[in-house]
Amino acid sequence: RQGSGEMVSRVTTDIEQLAAGLTMIFNQFFIGVLMILVSILAMLQIHLLMTLLVLLLTPLSMVISRFIAKRSYHLFQKQTETRGIQTQWIEESLSQQTII
């Protein structure tokens, strides 16, 4: 059983860690958005057509990547199950061998 002081200490520590994590996430989010905007502005200064092409192809590449990731996950899961069955069969076969 925990004392009330220990419980208060744990809650305080958890809240502090949560606040620090949220602050870091928001900082990184805003820095990321700012970097994207500055990059787009720089690309516009260099070449308008290339910038438009990049902006059009980026969402398409994200959709394709998501499709591949979902499909790959299920295939890797199936591969892991198959490998487990094979390993079990080999282990059982070897354990039945007599050692000379």
PDB file of N, CA and C in Angstrom:
ATOM      1  N   ARG A   1       0.842  -1.185   0.000  1.00  0.00           N
ATOM      2  CA  ARG A   1       0.000   0.000   0.000  1.00  0.00           C
ATOM      3  C   ARG A   1       0.883   1.243   0.000  1.00  0.00           C
ATOM      4  N   GLN A   2       0.480   2.236  -0.781  1.00  0.00           N
ATOM      5  CA  GLN A   2       1.282   3.447  -0.911  1.00  0.00           C
ATOM      6  C   GLN A   2       0.757   4.529   0.013  1.00  0.00           C
ATOM      7  N   GLY A   3       1.689   5.340   0.510  1.00  0.00           N
ATOM      8  CA  GLY A   3       1.297   6.473   1.326  1.00  0.00           C
ATOM      9  C   GLY A   3       0.812   7.616   0.446  1.00  0.00           C
ATOM     10  N   SER A   4       0.126   8.569   1.068  1.00  0.00           N
ATOM     11  CA  SER A   4      -0.418   9.688   0.294  1.00  0.00           C
ATOM     12  C   SER A   4       0.691  10.565  -0.273  1.00  0.00           C
ATOM     13  N   GLY A   5       1.802  10.692   0.432  1.00  0.00           N
ATOM     14  CA  GLY A   5       2.925  11.494  -0.065  1.00  0.00           C
ATOM     15  C   GLY A   5       3.520  10.912  -1.338  1.00  0.00           C
ATOM     16  N   GLU A   6       3.648   9.583  -1.358  1.00  0.00           N
ATOM     17  CA  GLU A   6       4.189   8.919  -2.544  1.00  0.00           C
ATOM     18  C   GLU A   6       3.242   9.075  -3.729  1.00  0.00           C
ATOM     19  N   MET A   7       1.949   8.977  -3.460  1.00  0.00           N
ATOM     20  CA  MET A   7       0.952   9.124  -4.523  1.00  0.00           C
ATOM     21  C   MET A   7       0.978  10.541  -5.097  1.00  0.00           C
ATOM     22  N   VAL A   8       1.053  11.546  -4.232  1.00  0.00           N
ATOM     23  CA  VAL A   8       1.113  12.942  -4.687  1.00  0.00           C
ATOM     24  C   VAL A   8       2.383  13.163  -5.505  1.00  0.00           C
ATOM     25  N   SER A   9       3.491  12.590  -5.061  1.00  0.00           N
ATOM     26  CA  SER A   9       4.756  12.726  -5.777  1.00  0.00           C
ATOM     27  C   SER A   9       4.665  12.113  -7.169  1.00  0.00           C
ATOM     28  N   ARG A  10       4.077  10.937  -7.272  1.00  0.00           N
ATOM     29  CA  ARG A  10       3.926  10.281  -8.574  1.00  0.00           C
ATOM     30  C   ARG A  10       3.036  11.088  -9.509  1.00  0.00           C
ATOM     31  N   VAL A  11       1.913  11.575  -8.988  1.00  0.00           N
ATOM     32  CA  VAL A  11       0.996  12.368  -9.810  1.00  0.00           C
ATOM     33  C   VAL A  11       1.686  13.639 -10.287  1.00  0.00           C
ATOM     34  N   THR A  12       2.403  14.301  -9.397  1.00  0.00           N
ATOM     35  CA  THR A  12       3.110  15.534  -9.760  1.00  0.00           C
ATOM     36  C   THR A  12       4.153  15.264 -10.834  1.00  0.00           C
ATOM     37  N   THR A  13       4.920  14.204 -10.669  1.00  0.00           N
ATOM     38  CA  THR A  13       5.942  13.850 -11.656  1.00  0.00           C
ATOM     39  C   THR A  13       5.311  13.525 -13.005  1.00  0.00           C
ATOM     40  N   ASP A  14       4.225  12.763 -12.991  1.00  0.00           N
ATOM     41  CA  ASP A  14       3.548  12.412 -14.239  1.00  0.00           C
ATOM     42  C   ASP A  14       3.025  13.650 -14.955  1.00  0.00           C
ATOM     43  N   ILE A  15       2.446  14.577 -14.205  1.00  0.00           N
ATOM     44  CA  ILE A  15       1.914  15.803 -14.812  1.00  0.00           C
ATOM     45  C   ILE A  15       3.044  16.640 -15.399  1.00  0.00           C
ATOM     46  N   GLU A  16       4.164  16.734 -14.694  1.00  0.00           N
ATOM     47  CA  GLU A  16       5.312  17.493 -15.206  1.00  0.00           C
ATOM     48  C   GLU A  16       5.855  16.874 -16.488  1.00  0.00           C
ATOM     49  N   GLN A  17       5.949  15.553 -16.526  1.00  0.00           N
ATOM     50  CA  GLN A  17       6.446  14.879 -17.722  1.00  0.00           C
ATOM     51  C   GLN A  17       5.476  15.048 -18.888  1.00  0.00           C
ATOM     52  N   LEU A  18       4.190  14.982 -18.616  1.00  0.00           N
ATOM     53  CA  LEU A  18       3.185  15.184 -19.658  1.00  0.00           C
ATOM     54  C   LEU A  18       3.269  16.597 -20.218  1.00  0.00           C
ATOM     55  N   ALA A  19       3.390  17.577 -19.346  1.00  0.00           N
ATOM     56  CA  ALA A  19       3.494  18.975 -19.790  1.00  0.00           C
ATOM     57  C   ALA A  19       4.749  19.183 -20.632  1.00  0.00           C
ATOM     58  N   ALA A  20       5.866  18.612 -20.213  1.00  0.00           N
ATOM     59  CA  ALA A  20       7.114  18.750 -20.978  1.00  0.00           C
ATOM     60  C   ALA A  20       6.984  18.089 -22.348  1.00  0.00           C
ATOM     61  N   GLY A  21       6.352  16.926 -22.392  1.00  0.00           N
ATOM     62  CA  GLY A  21       6.148  16.233 -23.666  1.00  0.00           C
ATOM     63  C   GLY A  21       5.257  17.013 -24.611  1.00  0.00           C
ATOM     64  N   LEU A  22       4.158  17.557 -24.085  1.00  0.00           N
ATOM     65  CA  LEU A  22       3.252  18.344 -24.924  1.00  0.00           C
ATOM     66  C   LEU A  22       3.930  19.600 -25.447  1.00  0.00           C
ATOM     67  N   THR A  23       4.709  20.251 -24.608  1.00  0.00           N
ATOM     68  CA  THR A  23       5.438  21.448 -25.039  1.00  0.00           C
ATOM     69  C   THR A  23       6.398  21.109 -26.171  1.00  0.00           C
ATOM     70  N   MET A  24       7.112  20.010 -26.037  1.00  0.00           N
ATOM     71  CA  MET A  24       8.057  19.600 -27.070  1.00  0.00           C
ATOM     72  C   MET A  24       7.330  19.277 -28.378  1.00  0.00           C
ATOM     73  N   ILE A  25       6.192  18.582 -28.287  1.00  0.00           N
ATOM     74  CA  ILE A  25       5.431  18.224 -29.485  1.00  0.00           C
ATOM     75  C   ILE A  25       4.949  19.471 -30.206  1.00  0.00           C
ATOM     76  N   PHE A  26       4.391  20.434 -29.466  1.00  0.00           N
ATOM     77  CA  PHE A  26       3.898  21.652 -30.099  1.00  0.00           C
ATOM     78  C   PHE A  26       5.035  22.451 -30.721  1.00  0.00           C
ATOM     79  N   ASN A  27       6.170  22.534 -30.038  1.00  0.00           N
ATOM     80  CA  ASN A  27       7.327  23.241 -30.596  1.00  0.00           C
ATOM     81  C   ASN A  27       7.780  22.601 -31.903  1.00  0.00           C
ATOM     82  N   GLN A  28       7.899  21.289 -31.911  1.00  0.00           N
ATOM     83  CA  GLN A  28       8.335  20.594 -33.116  1.00  0.00           C
ATOM     84  C   GLN A  28       7.315  20.747 -34.237  1.00  0.00           C
ATOM     85  N   PHE A  29       6.027  20.735 -33.894  1.00  0.00           N
ATOM     86  CA  PHE A  29       4.979  20.896 -34.902  1.00  0.00           C
ATOM     87  C   PHE A  29       5.094  22.256 -35.575  1.00  0.00           C
ATOM     88  N   PHE A  30       5.209  23.311 -34.785  1.00  0.00           N
ATOM     89  CA  PHE A  30       5.274  24.652 -35.359  1.00  0.00           C
ATOM     90  C   PHE A  30       6.564  24.871 -36.143  1.00  0.00           C
ATOM     91  N   ILE A  31       7.670  24.324 -35.660  1.00  0.00           N
ATOM     92  CA  ILE A  31       8.926  24.425 -36.402  1.00  0.00           C
ATOM     93  C   ILE A  31       8.809  23.678 -37.730  1.00  0.00           C
ATOM     94  N   GLY A  32       8.176  22.512 -37.710  1.00  0.00           N
ATOM     95  CA  GLY A  32       7.981  21.740 -38.937  1.00  0.00           C
ATOM     96  C   GLY A  32       7.127  22.478 -39.955  1.00  0.00           C
ATOM     97  N   VAL A  33       6.020  23.065 -39.493  1.00  0.00           N
ATOM     98  CA  VAL A  33       5.143  23.826 -40.389  1.00  0.00           C
ATOM     99  C   VAL A  33       5.895  25.021 -40.963  1.00  0.00           C
ATOM    100  N   LEU A  34       6.641  25.714 -40.127  1.00  0.00           N
ATOM    101  CA  LEU A  34       7.408  26.871 -40.589  1.00  0.00           C
ATOM    102  C   LEU A  34       8.452  26.459 -41.628  1.00  0.00           C
ATOM    103  N   MET A  35       9.114  25.330 -41.402  1.00  0.00           N
ATOM    104  CA  MET A  35      10.109  24.849 -42.368  1.00  0.00           C
ATOM    105  C   MET A  35       9.464  24.519 -43.708  1.00  0.00           C
ATOM    106  N   ILE A  36       8.286  23.905 -43.674  1.00  0.00           N
ATOM    107  CA  ILE A  36       7.587  23.576 -44.916  1.00  0.00           C
ATOM    108  C   ILE A  36       7.226  24.846 -45.674  1.00  0.00           C
ATOM    109  N   LEU A  37       6.686  25.831 -44.966  1.00  0.00           N
ATOM    110  CA  LEU A  37       6.304  27.086 -45.620  1.00  0.00           C
ATOM    111  C   LEU A  37       7.512  27.804 -46.214  1.00  0.00           C
ATOM    112  N   VAL A  38       8.599  27.866 -45.475  1.00  0.00           N
ATOM    113  CA  VAL A  38       9.810  28.522 -45.983  1.00  0.00           C
ATOM    114  C   VAL A  38      10.354  27.762 -47.193  1.00  0.00           C
ATOM    115  N   SER A  39      10.302  26.429 -47.143  1.00  0.00           N
ATOM    116  CA  SER A  39      10.778  25.626 -48.277  1.00  0.00           C
ATOM    117  C   SER A  39       9.936  25.881 -49.520  1.00  0.00           C
ATOM    118  N   ILE A  40       8.619  25.958 -49.338  1.00  0.00           N
ATOM    119  CA  ILE A  40       7.738  26.228 -50.479  1.00  0.00           C
ATOM    120  C   ILE A  40       8.024  27.603 -51.060  1.00  0.00           C
ATOM    121  N   LEU A  41       8.202  28.584 -50.200  1.00  0.00           N
ATOM    122  CA  LEU A  41       8.523  29.930 -50.687  1.00  0.00           C
ATOM    123  C   LEU A  41       9.855  29.947 -51.437  1.00  0.00           C
ATOM    124  N   ALA A  42      10.844  29.235 -50.921  1.00  0.00           N
ATOM    125  CA  ALA A  42      12.144  29.173 -51.595  1.00  0.00           C
ATOM    126  C   ALA A  42      12.018  28.475 -52.948  1.00  0.00           C
ATOM    127  N   MET A  43      11.246  27.384 -52.994  1.00  0.00           N
ATOM    128  CA  MET A  43      11.051  26.685 -54.263  1.00  0.00           C
ATOM    129  C   MET A  43      10.322  27.568 -55.268  1.00  0.00           C
ATOM    130  N   LEU A  44       9.349  28.345 -54.799  1.00  0.00           N
ATOM    131  CA  LEU A  44       8.638  29.266 -55.690  1.00  0.00           C
ATOM    132  C   LEU A  44       9.591  30.299 -56.281  1.00  0.00           C
ATOM    133  N   GLN A  45      10.546  30.740 -55.504  1.00  0.00           N
ATOM    134  CA  GLN A  45      11.526  31.710 -55.991  1.00  0.00           C
ATOM    135  C   GLN A  45      12.430  31.099 -57.064  1.00  0.00           C
ATOM    136  N   ILE A  46      12.688  29.806 -56.938  1.00  0.00           N
ATOM    137  CA  ILE A  46      13.610  29.151 -57.870  1.00  0.00           C
ATOM    138  C   ILE A  46      12.901  28.752 -59.161  1.00  0.00           C
ATOM    139  N   HIS A  47      11.755  28.022 -59.039  1.00  0.00           N
ATOM    140  CA  HIS A  47      11.087  27.521 -60.246  1.00  0.00           C
ATOM    141  C   HIS A  47       9.618  27.237 -59.934  1.00  0.00           C
ATOM    142  N   LEU A  48       8.724  27.987 -60.539  1.00  0.00           N
ATOM    143  CA  LEU A  48       7.289  27.881 -60.266  1.00  0.00           C
ATOM    144  C   LEU A  48       6.727  26.525 -60.680  1.00  0.00           C
ATOM    145  N   LEU A  49       7.020  26.085 -61.890  1.00  0.00           N
ATOM    146  CA  LEU A  49       6.462  24.829 -62.396  1.00  0.00           C
ATOM    147  C   LEU A  49       6.926  23.634 -61.560  1.00  0.00           C
ATOM    148  N   MET A  50       8.197  23.629 -61.197  1.00  0.00           N
ATOM    149  CA  MET A  50       8.728  22.532 -60.383  1.00  0.00           C
ATOM    150  C   MET A  50       8.059  22.514 -59.006  1.00  0.00           C
ATOM    151  N   THR A  51       7.813  23.679 -58.448  1.00  0.00           N
ATOM    152  CA  THR A  51       7.143  23.776 -57.148  1.00  0.00           C
ATOM    153  C   THR A  51       5.734  23.208 -57.228  1.00  0.00           C
ATOM    154  N   LEU A  52       5.001  23.573 -58.269  1.00  0.00           N
ATOM    155  CA  LEU A  52       3.640  23.057 -58.441  1.00  0.00           C
ATOM    156  C   LEU A  52       3.650  21.544 -58.620  1.00  0.00           C
ATOM    157  N   LEU A  53       4.616  21.044 -59.362  1.00  0.00           N
ATOM    158  CA  LEU A  53       4.732  19.603 -59.562  1.00  0.00           C
ATOM    159  C   LEU A  53       4.985  18.882 -58.234  1.00  0.00           C
ATOM    160  N   VAL A  54       5.883  19.424 -57.427  1.00  0.00           N
ATOM    161  CA  VAL A  54       6.178  18.831 -56.116  1.00  0.00           C
ATOM    162  C   VAL A  54       4.941  18.867 -55.226  1.00  0.00           C
ATOM    163  N   LEU A  55       4.229  19.991 -55.226  1.00  0.00           N
ATOM    164  CA  LEU A  55       3.037  20.123 -54.381  1.00  0.00           C
ATOM    165  C   LEU A  55       1.919  19.188 -54.823  1.00  0.00           C
ATOM    166  N   LEU A  56       1.846  18.885 -56.114  1.00  0.00           N
ATOM    167  CA  LEU A  56       0.830  17.951 -56.603  1.00  0.00           C
ATOM    168  C   LEU A  56       1.208  16.497 -56.338  1.00  0.00           C
ATOM    169  N   LEU A  57       2.483  16.182 -56.457  1.00  0.00           N
ATOM    170  CA  LEU A  57       2.917  14.792 -56.303  1.00  0.00           C
ATOM    171  C   LEU A  57       3.084  14.356 -54.847  1.00  0.00           C
ATOM    172  N   THR A  58       3.265  15.293 -53.946  1.00  0.00           N
ATOM    173  CA  THR A  58       3.463  14.935 -52.539  1.00  0.00           C
ATOM    174  C   THR A  58       2.265  14.185 -51.952  1.00  0.00           C
ATOM    175  N   PRO A  59       1.020  14.679 -52.104  1.00  0.00           N
ATOM    176  CA  PRO A  59      -0.112  13.908 -51.564  1.00  0.00           C
ATOM    177  C   PRO A  59      -0.261  12.541 -52.234  1.00  0.00           C
ATOM    178  N   LEU A  60       0.016  12.473 -53.524  1.00  0.00           N
ATOM    179  CA  LEU A  60      -0.071  11.199 -54.228  1.00  0.00           C
ATOM    180  C   LEU A  60       0.941  10.202 -53.667  1.00  0.00           C
ATOM    181  N   SER A  61       2.154  10.655 -53.427  1.00  0.00           N
ATOM    182  CA  SER A  61       3.170   9.758 -52.875  1.00  0.00           C
ATOM    183  C   SER A  61       2.806   9.308 -51.464  1.00  0.00           C
ATOM    184  N   MET A  62       2.141  10.179 -50.701  1.00  0.00           N
ATOM    185  CA  MET A  62       1.714   9.795 -49.352  1.00  0.00           C
ATOM    186  C   MET A  62       0.645   8.708 -49.404  1.00  0.00           C
ATOM    187  N   VAL A  63      -0.291   8.822 -50.347  1.00  0.00           N
ATOM    188  CA  VAL A  63      -1.343   7.808 -50.497  1.00  0.00           C
ATOM    189  C   VAL A  63      -0.734   6.474 -50.915  1.00  0.00           C
ATOM    190  N   ILE A  64       0.177   6.511 -51.866  1.00  0.00           N
ATOM    191  CA  ILE A  64       0.826   5.282 -52.326  1.00  0.00           C
ATOM    192  C   ILE A  64       1.642   4.649 -51.198  1.00  0.00           C
ATOM    193  N   SER A  65       2.363   5.454 -50.454  1.00  0.00           N
ATOM    194  CA  SER A  65       3.164   4.937 -49.336  1.00  0.00           C
ATOM    195  C   SER A  65       2.287   4.290 -48.277  1.00  0.00           C
ATOM    196  N   ARG A  66       1.160   4.902 -47.993  1.00  0.00           N
ATOM    197  CA  ARG A  66       0.242   4.341 -46.998  1.00  0.00           C
ATOM    198  C   ARG A  66      -0.301   2.986 -47.462  1.00  0.00           C
ATOM    199  N   PHE A  67      -0.650   2.891 -48.745  1.00  0.00           N
ATOM    200  CA  PHE A  67      -1.141   1.630 -49.306  1.00  0.00           C
ATOM    201  C   PHE A  67      -0.078   0.542 -49.183  1.00  0.00           C
ATOM    202  N   ILE A  68       1.146   0.873 -49.563  1.00  0.00           N
ATOM    203  CA  ILE A  68       2.237  -0.104 -49.501  1.00  0.00           C
ATOM    204  C   ILE A  68       2.508  -0.516 -48.055  1.00  0.00           C
ATOM    205  N   ALA A  69       2.480   0.438 -47.132  1.00  0.00           N
ATOM    206  CA  ALA A  69       2.748   0.132 -45.723  1.00  0.00           C
ATOM    207  C   ALA A  69       1.684  -0.800 -45.151  1.00  0.00           C
ATOM    208  N   LYS A  70       0.414  -0.536 -45.471  1.00  0.00           N
ATOM    209  CA  LYS A  70      -0.653  -1.410 -44.963  1.00  0.00           C
ATOM    210  C   LYS A  70      -0.508  -2.820 -45.516  1.00  0.00           C
ATOM    211  N   ARG A  71      -0.250  -2.923 -46.806  1.00  0.00           N
ATOM    212  CA  ARG A  71      -0.106  -4.237 -47.430  1.00  0.00           C
ATOM    213  C   ARG A  71       1.126  -4.955 -46.878  1.00  0.00           C
ATOM    214  N   SER A  72       2.216  -4.250 -46.738  1.00  0.00           N
ATOM    215  CA  SER A  72       3.450  -4.855 -46.238  1.00  0.00           C
ATOM    216  C   SER A  72       3.283  -5.355 -44.809  1.00  0.00           C
ATOM    217  N   TYR A  73       2.560  -4.613 -43.983  1.00  0.00           N
ATOM    218  CA  TYR A  73       2.367  -5.011 -42.591  1.00  0.00           C
ATOM    219  C   TYR A  73       1.715  -6.386 -42.515  1.00  0.00           C
ATOM    220  N   HIS A  74       0.658  -6.580 -43.295  1.00  0.00           N
ATOM    221  CA  HIS A  74      -0.040  -7.869 -43.260  1.00  0.00           C
ATOM    222  C   HIS A  74       0.843  -8.989 -43.817  1.00  0.00           C
ATOM    223  N   LEU A  75       1.610  -8.687 -44.851  1.00  0.00           N
ATOM    224  CA  LEU A  75       2.496  -9.706 -45.412  1.00  0.00           C
ATOM    225  C   LEU A  75       3.620 -10.064 -44.443  1.00  0.00           C
ATOM    226  N   PHE A  76       4.196  -9.076 -43.768  1.00  0.00           N
ATOM    227  CA  PHE A  76       5.246  -9.356 -42.784  1.00  0.00           C
ATOM    228  C   PHE A  76       4.687 -10.141 -41.600  1.00  0.00           C
ATOM    229  N   GLN A  77       3.455  -9.839 -41.220  1.00  0.00           N
ATOM    230  CA  GLN A  77       2.820 -10.572 -40.125  1.00  0.00           C
ATOM    231  C   GLN A  77       2.637 -12.040 -40.517  1.00  0.00           C
ATOM    232  N   LYS A  78       2.186 -12.272 -41.744  1.00  0.00           N
ATOM    233  CA  LYS A  78       1.997 -13.638 -42.230  1.00  0.00           C
ATOM    234  C   LYS A  78       3.342 -14.361 -42.322  1.00  0.00           C
ATOM    235  N   GLN A  79       4.379 -13.647 -42.771  1.00  0.00           N
ATOM    236  CA  GLN A  79       5.716 -14.232 -42.868  1.00  0.00           C
ATOM    237  C   GLN A  79       6.232 -14.643 -41.488  1.00  0.00           C
ATOM    238  N   THR A  80       5.999 -13.819 -40.487  1.00  0.00           N
ATOM    239  CA  THR A  80       6.438 -14.121 -39.128  1.00  0.00           C
ATOM    240  C   THR A  80       5.726 -15.359 -38.592  1.00  0.00           C
ATOM    241  N   GLU A  81       4.427 -15.463 -38.852  1.00  0.00           N
ATOM    242  CA  GLU A  81       3.676 -16.645 -38.404  1.00  0.00           C
ATOM    243  C   GLU A  81       4.204 -17.906 -39.081  1.00  0.00           C
ATOM    244  N   THR A  82       4.445 -17.828 -40.389  1.00  0.00           N
ATOM    245  CA  THR A  82       4.957 -18.977 -41.136  1.00  0.00           C
ATOM    246  C   THR A  82       6.334 -19.383 -40.627  1.00  0.00           C
ATOM    247  N   ARG A  83       7.186 -18.406 -40.372  1.00  0.00           N
ATOM    248  CA  ARG A  83       8.528 -18.693 -39.857  1.00  0.00           C
ATOM    249  C   ARG A  83       8.443 -19.357 -38.482  1.00  0.00           C
ATOM    250  N   GLY A  84       7.499 -18.930 -37.659  1.00  0.00           N
ATOM    251  CA  GLY A  84       7.312 -19.544 -36.347  1.00  0.00           C
ATOM    252  C   GLY A  84       6.907 -21.001 -36.458  1.00  0.00           C
ATOM    253  N   ILE A  85       5.999 -21.284 -37.390  1.00  0.00           N
ATOM    254  CA  ILE A  85       5.562 -22.673 -37.606  1.00  0.00           C
ATOM    255  C   ILE A  85       6.731 -23.521 -38.099  1.00  0.00           C
ATOM    256  N   GLN A  86       7.510 -22.978 -39.041  1.00  0.00           N
ATOM    257  CA  GLN A  86       8.671 -23.714 -39.554  1.00  0.00           C
ATOM    258  C   GLN A  86       9.698 -23.974 -38.457  1.00  0.00           C
ATOM    259  N   THR A  87       9.974 -22.978 -37.652  1.00  0.00           N
ATOM    260  CA  THR A  87      10.949 -23.128 -36.572  1.00  0.00           C
ATOM    261  C   THR A  87      10.488 -24.173 -35.571  1.00  0.00           C
ATOM    262  N   GLN A  88       9.205 -24.166 -35.251  1.00  0.00           N
ATOM    263  CA  GLN A  88       8.665 -25.147 -34.315  1.00  0.00           C
ATOM    264  C   GLN A  88       8.807 -26.553 -34.887  1.00  0.00           C
ATOM    265  N   TRP A  89       8.505 -26.730 -36.164  1.00  0.00           N
ATOM    266  CA  TRP A  89       8.596 -28.041 -36.802  1.00  0.00           C
ATOM    267  C   TRP A  89      10.043 -28.536 -36.807  1.00  0.00           C
ATOM    268  N   ILE A  90      10.977 -27.636 -37.152  1.00  0.00           N
ATOM    269  CA  ILE A  90      12.395 -28.018 -37.184  1.00  0.00           C
ATOM    270  C   ILE A  90      12.881 -28.376 -35.786  1.00  0.00           C
ATOM    271  N   GLU A  91      12.492 -27.589 -34.804  1.00  0.00           N
ATOM    272  CA  GLU A  91      12.912 -27.854 -33.425  1.00  0.00           C
ATOM    273  C   GLU A  91      12.380 -29.197 -32.941  1.00  0.00           C
ATOM    274  N   GLU A  92      11.123 -29.493 -33.254  1.00  0.00           N
ATOM    275  CA  GLU A  92      10.548 -30.776 -32.840  1.00  0.00           C
ATOM    276  C   GLU A  92      11.227 -31.931 -33.561  1.00  0.00           C
ATOM    277  N   SER A  93      11.559 -31.733 -34.842  1.00  0.00           N
ATOM    278  CA  SER A  93      12.237 -32.790 -35.602  1.00  0.00           C
ATOM    279  C   SER A  93      13.631 -33.052 -35.052  1.00  0.00           C
ATOM    280  N   LEU A  94      14.355 -31.990 -34.733  1.00  0.00           N
ATOM    281  CA  LEU A  94      15.711 -32.155 -34.212  1.00  0.00           C
ATOM    282  C   LEU A  94      15.725 -32.725 -32.802  1.00  0.00           C
ATOM    283  N   SER A  95      14.731 -32.401 -32.012  1.00  0.00           N
ATOM    284  CA  SER A  95      14.710 -32.900 -30.635  1.00  0.00           C
ATOM    285  C   SER A  95      14.431 -34.397 -30.589  1.00  0.00           C
ATOM    286  N   GLN A  96      13.884 -34.950 -31.659  1.00  0.00           N
ATOM    287  CA  GLN A  96      13.602 -36.386 -31.696  1.00  0.00           C
ATOM    288  C   GLN A  96      14.782 -37.191 -32.231  1.00  0.00           C
ATOM    289  N   GLN A  97      15.835 -36.518 -32.704  1.00  0.00           N
ATOM    290  CA  GLN A  97      17.020 -37.205 -33.224  1.00  0.00           C
ATOM    291  C   GLN A  97      17.855 -37.726 -32.055  1.00  0.00           C
ATOM    292  N   THR A  98      18.415 -38.881 -32.251  1.00  0.00           N
ATOM    293  CA  THR A  98      19.313 -39.421 -31.228  1.00  0.00           C
ATOM    294  C   THR A  98      20.731 -38.927 -31.503  1.00  0.00           C
ATOM    295  N   ILE A  99      21.442 -38.636 -30.438  1.00  0.00           N
ATOM    296  CA  ILE A  99      22.810 -38.140 -30.565  1.00  0.00           C
ATOM    297  C   ILE A  99      23.761 -39.317 -30.425  1.00  0.00           C
ATOM    298  N   ILE A 100      24.681 -39.436 -31.362  1.00  0.00           N
ATOM    299  CA  ILE A 100      25.624 -40.566 -31.365  1.00  0.00           C
ATOM    300  C   ILE A 100      26.865 -40.184 -30.597  1.00  0.00           C
TER     301      ILE A 100
END
